[in-house]
Protein backbone atom coordinates (compact mmCIF):
# COMPACT_ATOMS: atom_id res chain seq x y z
CA UNK A 1 0.00 0.00 0.00
CA UNK A 2 2.84 2.34 0.77
CA UNK A 3 4.42 1.79 -2.69
CA UNK A 4 1.12 2.69 -4.49
CA UNK A 5 0.91 5.96 -2.60
CA UNK A 6 4.51 6.77 -3.50
CA UNK A 7 3.84 6.15 -7.23
CA UNK A 8 0.84 8.48 -7.17
CA UNK A 9 2.82 11.26 -5.51
CA UNK A 10 5.62 10.92 -8.08
CA UNK A 11 3.07 11.18 -10.90
CA UNK A 12 1.62 14.32 -9.35
CA UNK A 13 5.04 15.89 -9.01
CA UNK A 14 5.93 14.96 -12.59
CA UNK A 15 2.66 16.36 -13.97
CA UNK A 16 3.16 19.64 -12.12
CA UNK A 17 6.69 19.95 -13.48
CA UNK A 18 5.52 19.27 -17.04
CA UNK A 19 2.77 21.88 -16.73
CA UNK A 20 5.19 24.49 -15.41
CA UNK A 21 7.71 23.81 -18.18
CA UNK A 22 4.94 23.96 -20.81
CA UNK A 23 3.77 27.31 -19.42
CA UNK A 24 7.29 28.75 -19.49
CA UNK A 25 7.81 27.54 -23.07
CA UNK A 26 4.45 29.00 -24.18
CA UNK A 27 5.27 32.39 -22.64
CA UNK A 28 8.73 32.35 -24.26
CA UNK A 29 7.21 31.56 -27.67
CA UNK A 30 4.72 34.44 -27.38
CA UNK A 31 7.44 36.90 -26.27
CA UNK A 32 9.74 35.81 -29.11
CA UNK A 33 6.91 36.09 -31.64
CA UNK A 34 5.96 39.59 -30.49
CA UNK A 35 9.61 40.71 -30.51
CA UNK A 36 10.09 39.30 -33.99
CA UNK A 37 6.97 41.01 -35.28
CA UNK A 38 8.13 44.33 -33.83
CA UNK A 39 11.55 43.95 -35.45
CA UNK A 40 9.91 42.99 -38.75
CA UNK A 41 7.72 46.12 -38.62
CA UNK A 42 10.83 48.27 -38.09
CA UNK A 43 12.57 46.75 -41.12
CA UNK A 44 9.45 47.20 -43.25
CA UNK A 45 9.05 50.82 -42.08
CA UNK A 46 12.69 51.52 -42.94
CA UNK A 47 12.24 50.07 -46.42
CA UNK A 48 9.04 52.03 -47.03
CA UNK A 49 10.66 55.24 -45.76
CA UNK A 50 13.56 54.78 -48.15
CA UNK A 51 11.26 54.26 -51.14
CA UNK A 52 9.11 57.24 -50.12
CA UNK A 53 12.12 59.53 -49.67
CA UNK A 54 13.52 58.66 -53.08
CA UNK A 55 10.14 59.25 -54.74
CA UNK A 56 9.50 62.51 -52.86
CA UNK A 57 12.94 63.90 -53.70
CA UNK A 58 12.65 62.92 -57.35
CA UNK A 59 9.20 64.47 -57.77
CA UNK A 60 10.02 67.59 -55.76
CA UNK A 61 13.16 68.26 -57.80
CA UNK A 62 11.32 67.86 -61.11
CA UNK A 63 8.01 69.59 -60.28
CA UNK A 64 8.71 71.77 -57.19
CA UNK A 65 5.18 70.78 -56.14
CA UNK A 66 5.05 69.65 -52.50
CA UNK A 67 1.56 68.13 -52.75
CA UNK A 68 2.47 66.02 -55.79
CA UNK A 69 5.71 64.91 -54.15
CA UNK A 70 3.84 63.98 -50.96
CA UNK A 71 1.28 61.96 -52.92
CA UNK A 72 4.08 60.16 -54.75
CA UNK A 73 5.85 59.45 -51.47
CA UNK A 74 2.68 58.00 -49.93
CA UNK A 75 2.13 55.81 -52.96
CA UNK A 76 5.75 54.59 -52.92
CA UNK A 77 5.52 53.78 -49.20
CA UNK A 78 2.28 51.86 -49.74
CA UNK A 79 3.81 49.90 -52.61
CA UNK A 80 6.81 48.99 -50.43
CA UNK A 81 4.56 47.98 -47.52
CA UNK A 82 0.77 48.01 -47.55
CA UNK A 83 0.62 48.89 -43.84
CA UNK A 84 3.05 51.82 -44.03
CA UNK A 85 1.78 55.33 -43.42
CA UNK A 86 3.75 58.49 -44.23
CA UNK A 87 3.58 60.65 -41.10
CA UNK A 88 5.90 63.53 -42.04
CA UNK A 89 7.61 64.97 -45.11
CA UNK A 90 9.94 67.95 -45.15
CA UNK A 91 11.81 69.51 -48.04
CA UNK A 92 15.06 71.47 -48.05
CA UNK A 93 15.73 74.25 -50.55
CA UNK A 94 18.35 72.07 -52.28
CA UNK A 95 15.69 69.44 -53.13
CA UNK A 96 16.39 67.06 -50.26
CA UNK A 97 13.32 65.27 -48.97
CA UNK A 98 13.07 63.78 -45.48
CA UNK A 99 10.25 61.29 -44.95
CA UNK A 100 9.05 59.58 -41.78
CA UNK A 101 6.97 56.42 -42.09
CA UNK A 102 5.08 54.50 -39.38
CA UNK A 103 4.26 50.80 -39.50
CA UNK A 104 2.31 48.80 -36.92
CA UNK A 105 3.46 45.35 -35.83
CA UNK A 106 0.86 42.60 -35.72
CA UNK A 107 1.60 41.06 -32.33
CA UNK A 108 -0.23 38.49 -30.26
CA UNK A 109 -0.06 40.26 -26.90
CA UNK A 110 1.65 43.68 -27.13
CA UNK A 111 -1.05 45.30 -29.27
CA UNK A 112 -3.66 44.43 -26.65
CA UNK A 113 -1.76 45.62 -23.55
CA UNK A 114 -1.91 49.38 -23.04
CA UNK A 115 1.62 49.95 -21.73
CA UNK A 116 3.14 47.75 -24.48
CA UNK A 117 1.11 49.20 -27.36
CA UNK A 118 3.65 51.98 -27.95
CA UNK A 119 6.23 49.36 -28.99
CA UNK A 120 4.03 48.04 -31.79
CA UNK A 121 4.24 51.28 -33.81
CA UNK A 122 7.64 51.54 -35.47
CA UNK A 123 8.83 54.76 -37.09
CA UNK A 124 11.62 55.18 -39.63
CA UNK A 125 13.03 58.35 -41.16
CA UNK A 126 15.01 58.53 -44.38
CA UNK A 127 16.27 61.46 -46.42
CA UNK A 128 17.21 61.64 -50.07
CA UNK A 129 19.14 64.53 -51.53
CA UNK A 130 20.10 65.67 -54.97
CA UNK A 131 22.17 63.19 -56.90
C-alpha cells in the first residue's frame, strides 16, 4: 500500500513539473513572436521610408510641387509595404526630402496591452538629396 501511494505522488510531481515547463515555453514563444513582429515592422518601415524619400525627392526636384511629391511618397511607401503610413515629409531648398513612415506590428499580446502598445508602432526616417 505504501508503494502505491509513493507512485501516485511521483506522478503528481511529474505532472506539475511538465505543466510548469509547458507554461514557461508558451510564454517564451509568445514573447519571441511579439519581438520578432516588432523587429519585422521596423525593417518594413525603414524600407518604405527609403522608397518614399527617393520618390518625394525625385518628384520635388522635377516639379517643385510639395503636394504632388507627398502623394508620390505615400504611394511609394504603400507599394513597399501596404501597412506603411507616411507621417511627415519635409523639403530642403536644395531638393532634399526627409520622410518619416510608421508601421504597426501585428503582435499576439503587445497590441492588446496598453503599456506595451507603444512598442508596436515603429517609425523610420530617411532622407534623399540631390544626386
